[in-house]
Amino acid sequence: MFEYPRSAKVLTFHEQVGVSAGGSVLDGGCGGCDMPPSFAEEARQVVGTDLAPRFGDVGHALAAEGSVTNLHVARADGQALSVSDACFDMALSHAVIEHVADAARDMRELARVLKPDGTMDRSTAPHLSFAGAHLQTLVAPIPLHLLLGRRLLFGIFVWLARRAPWALQEPEHENSCITPARQGRPKHDDLLEKVRIPTLRGHIRQAGLTVVSEAEQVTGTLRRARAAVARWIREAPLVQDIVVGNVEYVLVRDRKG
């Protein structure tokens, strides 16, 4: 009933690496609350939090219907959660770390609320990739963020959204520039952490977490390359953050952490 596309992929990924979603689950940065209902079917208790209350009254509505009674949502800062240490069996955080002011602190805070041997699922995209840039896309997909720099290109896209939205690939309901431009509201750049894979791995180690699985998805062109070539390019320091369009980790909190 609640198999949203993203949560279905995450649950399948967990099965592949032998991780169970039972017990208590925290979705830190749940956004519109699309994943928590799916996990509520698998876990004893699910809590979704987000700094902006984009989830509305989803949890209350589901509870009132009697369909989901073990899901709770609340407005909270993921870098300073008002819960005790070691109280969740699993923590989820998808496409969140690039939007926080202090990525290392965010990683440590999610690790803090995990029980010893608890698992964390985090996914993000390096900021130099198309997906990780979190910028609009032209009808012709040219990597202008690599050629012009982020600040200049962000301003260009805001101008295009106001003057020539037809030049942008995404439809209005998927484009975060067009609606504010038509309403005369300013559009602010919310990419606060420029994610790099080596830096991310460092945050993981410093938070007392061990990598169970690291799944890197390369851009479409490289998916057709030979496995050995694609693997070499994924780990090449000069291009790694450009060619990896998404990276998903399953992590375990160390007992001594």
C-alpha atoms as a PDB file:
ATOM      1  CA  MET A   1       0.000   0.000   0.000  1.00  0.00           C
ATOM      2  CA  PHE A   2       2.812   2.387   0.851  1.00  0.00           C
ATOM      3  CA  GLU A   3       5.493   1.162  -1.566  1.00  0.00           C
ATOM      4  CA  TYR A   4       6.825   4.484  -2.825  1.00  0.00           C
ATOM      5  CA  PRO A   5       9.542   4.059  -5.501  1.00  0.00           C
ATOM      6  CA  ARG A   6      12.405   5.238  -3.286  1.00  0.00           C
ATOM      7  CA  SER A   7      11.435   3.194  -0.246  1.00  0.00           C
ATOM      8  CA  ALA A   8      10.968   0.069  -2.393  1.00  0.00           C
ATOM      9  CA  LYS A   9      14.520   0.473  -3.718  1.00  0.00           C
ATOM     10  CA  VAL A  10      15.900   1.014  -0.214  1.00  0.00           C
ATOM     11  CA  LEU A  11      14.132  -2.049   1.184  1.00  0.00           C
ATOM     12  CA  THR A  12      15.416  -4.142  -1.729  1.00  0.00           C
ATOM     13  CA  PHE A  13      18.937  -2.835  -1.111  1.00  0.00           C
ATOM     14  CA  HIS A  14      18.640  -3.812   2.565  1.00  0.00           C
ATOM     15  CA  GLU A  15      17.615  -7.337   1.600  1.00  0.00           C
ATOM     16  CA  GLN A  16      20.633  -7.629  -0.679  1.00  0.00           C
ATOM     17  CA  VAL A  17      23.073  -6.712   2.102  1.00  0.00           C
ATOM     18  CA  GLY A  18      21.239  -8.669   4.807  1.00  0.00           C
ATOM     19  CA  VAL A  19      19.833  -5.771   6.837  1.00  0.00           C
ATOM     20  CA  SER A  20      16.454  -5.908   8.582  1.00  0.00           C
ATOM     21  CA  ALA A  21      14.197  -2.888   9.153  1.00  0.00           C
ATOM     22  CA  GLY A  22      12.695  -4.325  12.343  1.00  0.00           C
ATOM     23  CA  GLY A  23      12.717  -2.575  15.712  1.00  0.00           C
ATOM     24  CA  SER A  24      12.726   1.223  15.898  1.00  0.00           C
ATOM     25  CA  VAL A  25      13.595   3.322  12.838  1.00  0.00           C
ATOM     26  CA  LEU A  26      14.448   7.030  12.517  1.00  0.00           C
ATOM     27  CA  ASP A  27      14.125   8.781   9.158  1.00  0.00           C
ATOM     28  CA  GLY A  28      16.175  11.937   9.666  1.00  0.00           C
ATOM     29  CA  GLY A  29      15.197  14.509   7.063  1.00  0.00           C
ATOM     30  CA  CYS A  30      12.059  12.709   5.911  1.00  0.00           C
ATOM     31  CA  GLY A  31      10.865  15.599   3.734  1.00  0.00           C
ATOM     32  CA  GLY A  32       7.336  14.907   2.530  1.00  0.00           C
ATOM     33  CA  CYS A  33       7.245  11.681   4.576  1.00  0.00           C
ATOM     34  CA  ASP A  34       7.209   9.325   1.613  1.00  0.00           C
ATOM     35  CA  MET A  35       9.468   6.600   3.055  1.00  0.00           C
ATOM     36  CA  PRO A  36       8.327   6.287   6.710  1.00  0.00           C
ATOM     37  CA  PRO A  37       4.926   4.695   5.889  1.00  0.00           C
ATOM     38  CA  SER A  38       6.664   1.892   3.981  1.00  0.00           C
ATOM     39  CA  PHE A  39       9.075   1.257   6.839  1.00  0.00           C
ATOM     40  CA  ALA A  40       6.195   1.336   9.329  1.00  0.00           C
ATOM     41  CA  GLU A  41       4.968  -1.883   7.704  1.00  0.00           C
ATOM     42  CA  GLU A  42       8.311  -3.544   8.514  1.00  0.00           C
ATOM     43  CA  ALA A  43       9.324  -2.005  11.862  1.00  0.00           C
ATOM     44  CA  ARG A  44       7.913  -1.813  15.371  1.00  0.00           C
ATOM     45  CA  GLN A  45       8.108   1.988  15.469  1.00  0.00           C
ATOM     46  CA  VAL A  46       9.087   4.667  12.929  1.00  0.00           C
ATOM     47  CA  VAL A  47       9.878   8.312  13.631  1.00  0.00           C
ATOM     48  CA  GLY A  48      10.264  10.833  10.813  1.00  0.00           C
ATOM     49  CA  THR A  49      11.853  14.231  11.411  1.00  0.00           C
ATOM     50  CA  ASP A  50      12.563  17.240   9.250  1.00  0.00           C
ATOM     51  CA  LEU A  51      13.692  20.794   9.931  1.00  0.00           C
ATOM     52  CA  ALA A  52      10.940  22.133   7.669  1.00  0.00           C
ATOM     53  CA  PRO A  53       7.431  20.735   8.341  1.00  0.00           C
ATOM     54  CA  ARG A  54       6.930  19.558   4.763  1.00  0.00           C
ATOM     55  CA  PHE A  55       5.296  16.338   5.940  1.00  0.00           C
ATOM     56  CA  GLY A  56       2.203  18.287   7.107  1.00  0.00           C
ATOM     57  CA  ASP A  57      -0.118  16.077   9.120  1.00  0.00           C
ATOM     58  CA  VAL A  58       0.769  12.817   7.381  1.00  0.00           C
ATOM     59  CA  GLY A  59       1.446  10.867  10.566  1.00  0.00           C
ATOM     60  CA  HIS A  60      -1.680  12.119  12.300  1.00  0.00           C
ATOM     61  CA  ALA A  61      -3.828  11.423   9.221  1.00  0.00           C
ATOM     62  CA  LEU A  62      -2.580   7.853   8.891  1.00  0.00           C
ATOM     63  CA  ALA A  63      -3.087   7.204  12.587  1.00  0.00           C
ATOM     64  CA  ALA A  64      -6.613   8.614  12.421  1.00  0.00           C
ATOM     65  CA  GLU A  65      -7.439   6.287   9.540  1.00  0.00           C
ATOM     66  CA  GLY A  66      -6.267   3.384  11.652  1.00  0.00           C
ATOM     67  CA  SER A  67      -4.008   2.206   8.838  1.00  0.00           C
ATOM     68  CA  VAL A  68      -0.699   3.099  10.500  1.00  0.00           C
ATOM     69  CA  THR A  69      -0.386   3.521  14.243  1.00  0.00           C
ATOM     70  CA  ASN A  70       3.359   3.110  14.731  1.00  0.00           C
ATOM     71  CA  LEU A  71       4.477   6.159  12.723  1.00  0.00           C
ATOM     72  CA  HIS A  72       5.222   9.546  14.288  1.00  0.00           C
ATOM     73  CA  VAL A  73       6.506  12.675  12.566  1.00  0.00           C
ATOM     74  CA  ALA A  74       7.948  15.786  14.167  1.00  0.00           C
ATOM     75  CA  ARG A  75       9.766  18.975  13.271  1.00  0.00           C
ATOM     76  CA  ALA A  76      13.345  18.644  14.505  1.00  0.00           C
ATOM     77  CA  ASP A  77      16.909  19.674  13.716  1.00  0.00           C
ATOM     78  CA  GLY A  78      18.818  16.564  12.675  1.00  0.00           C
ATOM     79  CA  GLN A  79      22.024  18.051  14.045  1.00  0.00           C
ATOM     80  CA  ALA A  80      20.578  18.360  17.560  1.00  0.00           C
ATOM     81  CA  LEU A  81      17.951  15.669  18.155  1.00  0.00           C
ATOM     82  CA  SER A  82      16.159  15.831  21.496  1.00  0.00           C
ATOM     83  CA  VAL A  83      16.296  12.091  22.130  1.00  0.00           C
ATOM     84  CA  SER A  84      18.545   9.962  24.314  1.00  0.00           C
ATOM     85  CA  ASP A  85      21.615   8.075  23.152  1.00  0.00           C
ATOM     86  CA  ALA A  86      21.283   4.649  21.577  1.00  0.00           C
ATOM     87  CA  CYS A  87      17.512   4.589  21.161  1.00  0.00           C
ATOM     88  CA  PHE A  88      17.054   3.513  17.502  1.00  0.00           C
ATOM     89  CA  ASP A  89      17.874   0.246  15.750  1.00  0.00           C
ATOM     90  CA  MET A  90      18.121   1.915  12.342  1.00  0.00           C
ATOM     91  CA  ALA A  91      18.567   5.446  11.006  1.00  0.00           C
ATOM     92  CA  LEU A  92      17.797   6.564   7.453  1.00  0.00           C
ATOM     93  CA  SER A  93      19.012   9.724   5.772  1.00  0.00           C
ATOM     94  CA  HIS A  94      18.539  10.134   2.041  1.00  0.00           C
ATOM     95  CA  ALA A  95      19.584  13.217   0.059  1.00  0.00           C
ATOM     96  CA  VAL A  96      19.960  15.181   3.303  1.00  0.00           C
ATOM     97  CA  ILE A  97      23.631  15.630   4.158  1.00  0.00           C
ATOM     98  CA  GLU A  98      24.207  17.987   1.220  1.00  0.00           C
ATOM     99  CA  HIS A  99      21.648  20.385   2.712  1.00  0.00           C
ATOM    100  CA  VAL A 100      23.031  20.647   6.259  1.00  0.00           C
ATOM    101  CA  ALA A 101      25.402  23.303   7.565  1.00  0.00           C
ATOM    102  CA  ASP A 102      27.742  20.849   9.338  1.00  0.00           C
ATOM    103  CA  ALA A 103      27.938  17.435   7.668  1.00  0.00           C
ATOM    104  CA  ALA A 104      30.322  15.932  10.236  1.00  0.00           C
ATOM    105  CA  ARG A 105      28.028  16.939  13.105  1.00  0.00           C
ATOM    106  CA  ASP A 106      25.005  15.557  11.273  1.00  0.00           C
ATOM    107  CA  MET A 107      26.757  12.202  10.837  1.00  0.00           C
ATOM    108  CA  ARG A 108      27.795  12.092  14.508  1.00  0.00           C
ATOM    109  CA  GLU A 109      24.297  12.952  15.710  1.00  0.00           C
ATOM    110  CA  LEU A 110      22.654  10.138  13.773  1.00  0.00           C
ATOM    111  CA  ALA A 111      25.341   7.775  15.037  1.00  0.00           C
ATOM    112  CA  ARG A 112      24.695   8.947  18.623  1.00  0.00           C
ATOM    113  CA  VAL A 113      21.038   7.905  18.585  1.00  0.00           C
ATOM    114  CA  LEU A 114      21.842   4.461  17.122  1.00  0.00           C
ATOM    115  CA  LYS A 115      22.072   1.470  19.406  1.00  0.00           C
ATOM    116  CA  PRO A 116      25.401  -0.411  19.399  1.00  0.00           C
ATOM    117  CA  ASP A 117      25.428  -2.553  16.236  1.00  0.00           C
ATOM    118  CA  GLY A 118      22.516  -0.455  14.934  1.00  0.00           C
ATOM    119  CA  THR A 119      22.493   0.262  11.185  1.00  0.00           C
ATOM    120  CA  MET A 120      22.424   3.506   9.252  1.00  0.00           C
ATOM    121  CA  ASP A 121      21.419   3.928   5.618  1.00  0.00           C
ATOM    122  CA  ARG A 122      22.688   7.136   4.018  1.00  0.00           C
ATOM    123  CA  SER A 123      22.625   8.176   0.402  1.00  0.00           C
ATOM    124  CA  THR A 124      23.785  11.311  -1.343  1.00  0.00           C
ATOM    125  CA  ALA A 125      25.422  12.475  -4.558  1.00  0.00           C
ATOM    126  CA  PRO A 126      28.832  14.137  -5.014  1.00  0.00           C
ATOM    127  CA  HIS A 127      28.387  17.834  -5.738  1.00  0.00           C
ATOM    128  CA  LEU A 128      30.249  17.754  -9.058  1.00  0.00           C
ATOM    129  CA  SER A 129      27.908  15.173 -10.589  1.00  0.00           C
ATOM    130  CA  PHE A 130      24.728  16.177 -12.424  1.00  0.00           C
ATOM    131  CA  ALA A 131      22.557  14.771  -9.621  1.00  0.00           C
ATOM    132  CA  GLY A 132      24.677  16.150  -6.799  1.00  0.00           C
ATOM    133  CA  ALA A 133      24.832  19.644  -8.245  1.00  0.00           C
ATOM    134  CA  HIS A 134      21.111  20.015  -7.442  1.00  0.00           C
ATOM    135  CA  LEU A 135      20.775  22.438 -10.311  1.00  0.00           C
ATOM    136  CA  GLN A 136      18.203  22.576 -13.046  1.00  0.00           C
ATOM    137  CA  THR A 137      19.018  20.888 -16.352  1.00  0.00           C
ATOM    138  CA  LEU A 138      19.018  22.462 -19.770  1.00  0.00           C
ATOM    139  CA  VAL A 139      17.127  20.761 -22.587  1.00  0.00           C
ATOM    140  CA  ALA A 140      20.595  19.908 -23.896  1.00  0.00           C
ATOM    141  CA  PRO A 141      22.389  18.264 -20.913  1.00  0.00           C
ATOM    142  CA  ILE A 142      25.704  20.159 -20.818  1.00  0.00           C
ATOM    143  CA  PRO A 143      27.771  20.056 -17.591  1.00  0.00           C
ATOM    144  CA  LEU A 144      27.866  23.840 -17.257  1.00  0.00           C
ATOM    145  CA  HIS A 145      28.412  23.599 -13.496  1.00  0.00           C
ATOM    146  CA  LEU A 146      31.898  22.258 -14.281  1.00  0.00           C
ATOM    147  CA  LEU A 147      32.604  24.938 -16.879  1.00  0.00           C
ATOM    148  CA  LEU A 148      31.098  28.065 -15.309  1.00  0.00           C
ATOM    149  CA  GLY A 149      31.082  27.341 -11.590  1.00  0.00           C
ATOM    150  CA  ARG A 150      28.107  26.887  -9.323  1.00  0.00           C
ATOM    151  CA  ARG A 151      27.440  30.476  -8.254  1.00  0.00           C
ATOM    152  CA  LEU A 152      27.278  31.879 -11.787  1.00  0.00           C
ATOM    153  CA  LEU A 153      25.216  28.974 -13.121  1.00  0.00           C
ATOM    154  CA  PHE A 154      22.736  29.169 -10.239  1.00  0.00           C
ATOM    155  CA  GLY A 155      22.045  32.806 -11.158  1.00  0.00           C
ATOM    156  CA  ILE A 156      21.649  31.877 -14.819  1.00  0.00           C
ATOM    157  CA  PHE A 157      19.090  29.192 -14.012  1.00  0.00           C
ATOM    158  CA  VAL A 158      17.079  31.583 -11.840  1.00  0.00           C
ATOM    159  CA  TRP A 159      17.063  34.052 -14.750  1.00  0.00           C
ATOM    160  CA  LEU A 160      16.009  31.331 -17.211  1.00  0.00           C
ATOM    161  CA  ALA A 161      13.203  30.218 -14.898  1.00  0.00           C
ATOM    162  CA  ARG A 162      11.856  33.759 -15.003  1.00  0.00           C
ATOM    163  CA  ARG A 163      12.486  34.590 -18.649  1.00  0.00           C
ATOM    164  CA  ALA A 164      12.763  31.330 -20.621  1.00  0.00           C
ATOM    165  CA  PRO A 165      11.488  28.298 -18.674  1.00  0.00           C
ATOM    166  CA  TRP A 166      11.167  26.393 -21.949  1.00  0.00           C
ATOM    167  CA  ALA A 167      14.978  26.096 -21.948  1.00  0.00           C
ATOM    168  CA  LEU A 168      14.883  23.969 -18.793  1.00  0.00           C
ATOM    169  CA  GLN A 169      14.355  20.228 -19.026  1.00  0.00           C
ATOM    170  CA  GLU A 170      12.252  19.636 -15.905  1.00  0.00           C
ATOM    171  CA  PRO A 171       8.515  20.429 -15.924  1.00  0.00           C
ATOM    172  CA  GLU A 172       7.303  23.124 -13.554  1.00  0.00           C
ATOM    173  CA  HIS A 173       6.125  20.727 -10.822  1.00  0.00           C
ATOM    174  CA  GLU A 174       9.641  19.212 -10.677  1.00  0.00           C
ATOM    175  CA  ASN A 175      11.581  22.465 -11.025  1.00  0.00           C
ATOM    176  CA  SER A 176      12.282  24.407  -7.839  1.00  0.00           C
ATOM    177  CA  CYS A 177      13.165  27.588  -9.746  1.00  0.00           C
ATOM    178  CA  ILE A 178      10.138  28.135 -11.964  1.00  0.00           C
ATOM    179  CA  THR A 179       7.381  28.472  -9.342  1.00  0.00           C
ATOM    180  CA  PRO A 180       9.239  31.020  -7.149  1.00  0.00           C
ATOM    181  CA  ALA A 181      10.204  32.971 -10.290  1.00  0.00           C
ATOM    182  CA  ARG A 182       6.580  33.190 -11.436  1.00  0.00           C
ATOM    183  CA  GLN A 183       5.503  34.241  -7.947  1.00  0.00           C
ATOM    184  CA  GLY A 184       8.203  36.869  -7.723  1.00  0.00           C
ATOM    185  CA  ARG A 185       9.892  35.166  -4.774  1.00  0.00           C
ATOM    186  CA  PRO A 186      13.669  34.851  -4.434  1.00  0.00           C
ATOM    187  CA  LYS A 187      15.277  31.452  -4.876  1.00  0.00           C
ATOM    188  CA  HIS A 188      18.101  30.652  -2.460  1.00  0.00           C
ATOM    189  CA  ASP A 189      20.774  28.036  -3.003  1.00  0.00           C
ATOM    190  CA  ASP A 190      20.203  25.315  -0.377  1.00  0.00           C
ATOM    191  CA  LEU A 191      23.255  23.191  -1.228  1.00  0.00           C
ATOM    192  CA  LEU A 192      25.217  23.824   1.965  1.00  0.00           C
ATOM    193  CA  GLU A 193      27.638  20.869   1.912  1.00  0.00           C
ATOM    194  CA  LYS A 194      29.650  20.219  -1.234  1.00  0.00           C
ATOM    195  CA  VAL A 195      29.764  16.448  -0.893  1.00  0.00           C
ATOM    196  CA  ARG A 196      32.930  14.584  -1.920  1.00  0.00           C
ATOM    197  CA  ILE A 197      33.285  10.834  -1.482  1.00  0.00           C
ATOM    198  CA  PRO A 198      36.660  10.956   0.342  1.00  0.00           C
ATOM    199  CA  THR A 199      35.301  13.562   2.777  1.00  0.00           C
ATOM    200  CA  LEU A 200      32.152  11.511   3.314  1.00  0.00           C
ATOM    201  CA  ARG A 201      34.204   8.436   4.139  1.00  0.00           C
ATOM    202  CA  GLY A 202      36.112  10.533   6.674  1.00  0.00           C
ATOM    203  CA  HIS A 203      32.880  11.669   8.368  1.00  0.00           C
ATOM    204  CA  ILE A 204      31.799   8.025   8.599  1.00  0.00           C
ATOM    205  CA  ARG A 205      35.018   6.947  10.335  1.00  0.00           C
ATOM    206  CA  GLN A 206      34.999   9.909  12.723  1.00  0.00           C
ATOM    207  CA  ALA A 207      31.418   9.122  13.769  1.00  0.00           C
ATOM    208  CA  GLY A 208      32.416   5.629  14.897  1.00  0.00           C
ATOM    209  CA  LEU A 209      30.673   3.858  12.021  1.00  0.00           C
ATOM    210  CA  THR A 210      31.802   0.870   9.976  1.00  0.00           C
ATOM    211  CA  VAL A 211      30.900   0.456   6.303  1.00  0.00           C
ATOM    212  CA  VAL A 212      28.883  -2.684   5.571  1.00  0.00           C
ATOM    213  CA  SER A 213      28.132  -1.722   1.984  1.00  0.00           C
ATOM    214  CA  GLU A 214      29.064   1.169  -0.305  1.00  0.00           C
ATOM    215  CA  ALA A 215      27.045   1.203  -3.530  1.00  0.00           C
ATOM    216  CA  GLU A 216      28.191   3.733  -6.104  1.00  0.00           C
ATOM    217  CA  GLN A 217      26.032   4.382  -9.139  1.00  0.00           C
ATOM    218  CA  VAL A 218      27.901   5.858 -12.080  1.00  0.00           C
ATOM    219  CA  THR A 219      26.464   8.063 -14.800  1.00  0.00           C
ATOM    220  CA  GLY A 220      24.614   6.484 -17.695  1.00  0.00           C
ATOM    221  CA  THR A 221      27.530   6.559 -20.135  1.00  0.00           C
ATOM    222  CA  LEU A 222      29.835   4.621 -17.809  1.00  0.00           C
ATOM    223  CA  ARG A 223      27.207   1.967 -17.086  1.00  0.00           C
ATOM    224  CA  ARG A 224      27.900   0.644 -20.572  1.00  0.00           C
ATOM    225  CA  ALA A 225      31.652   0.460 -19.958  1.00  0.00           C
ATOM    226  CA  ARG A 226      33.450  -2.740 -18.988  1.00  0.00           C
ATOM    227  CA  ALA A 227      33.186  -3.508 -15.274  1.00  0.00           C
ATOM    228  CA  ALA A 228      36.926  -3.161 -14.658  1.00  0.00           C
ATOM    229  CA  VAL A 229      37.054   0.203 -16.446  1.00  0.00           C
ATOM    230  CA  ALA A 230      34.001   1.541 -14.616  1.00  0.00           C
ATOM    231  CA  ARG A 231      35.443   0.400 -11.277  1.00  0.00           C
ATOM    232  CA  TRP A 232      38.768   2.132 -11.973  1.00  0.00           C
ATOM    233  CA  ILE A 233      37.053   5.397 -12.957  1.00  0.00           C
ATOM    234  CA  ARG A 234      34.795   5.286  -9.870  1.00  0.00           C
ATOM    235  CA  GLU A 235      37.863   5.299  -7.638  1.00  0.00           C
ATOM    236  CA  ALA A 236      40.003   7.730  -9.668  1.00  0.00           C
ATOM    237  CA  PRO A 237      40.437  10.811  -7.416  1.00  0.00           C
ATOM    238  CA  LEU A 238      40.286  13.374 -10.247  1.00  0.00           C
ATOM    239  CA  VAL A 239      36.954  12.231 -11.701  1.00  0.00           C
ATOM    240  CA  GLN A 240      35.272  10.206  -8.953  1.00  0.00           C
ATOM    241  CA  ASP A 241      33.019  13.026  -7.760  1.00  0.00           C
ATOM    242  CA  ILE A 242      31.960  13.770 -11.348  1.00  0.00           C
ATOM    243  CA  VAL A 243      31.095  10.295 -12.605  1.00  0.00           C
ATOM    244  CA  VAL A 244      29.392   8.915  -9.465  1.00  0.00           C
ATOM    245  CA  GLY A 245      25.794  10.109  -9.573  1.00  0.00           C
ATOM    246  CA  ASN A 246      24.724   8.527  -6.270  1.00  0.00           C
ATOM    247  CA  VAL A 247      26.359   6.692  -3.397  1.00  0.00           C
ATOM    248  CA  GLU A 248      24.451   4.712  -0.777  1.00  0.00           C
ATOM    249  CA  TYR A 249      25.938   3.349   2.427  1.00  0.00           C
ATOM    250  CA  VAL A 250      24.816   0.791   4.936  1.00  0.00           C
ATOM    251  CA  LEU A 251      26.763   1.506   8.120  1.00  0.00           C
ATOM    252  CA  VAL A 252      26.966  -0.100  11.534  1.00  0.00           C
ATOM    253  CA  ARG A 253      27.640   1.745  14.775  1.00  0.00           C
ATOM    254  CA  ASP A 254      30.694   0.352  16.514  1.00  0.00           C
ATOM    255  CA  ARG A 255      30.030  -1.015  19.981  1.00  0.00           C
ATOM    256  CA  LYS A 256      32.786   1.127  21.454  1.00  0.00           C
ATOM    257  CA  GLY A 257      31.294   4.177  19.693  1.00  0.00           C
END
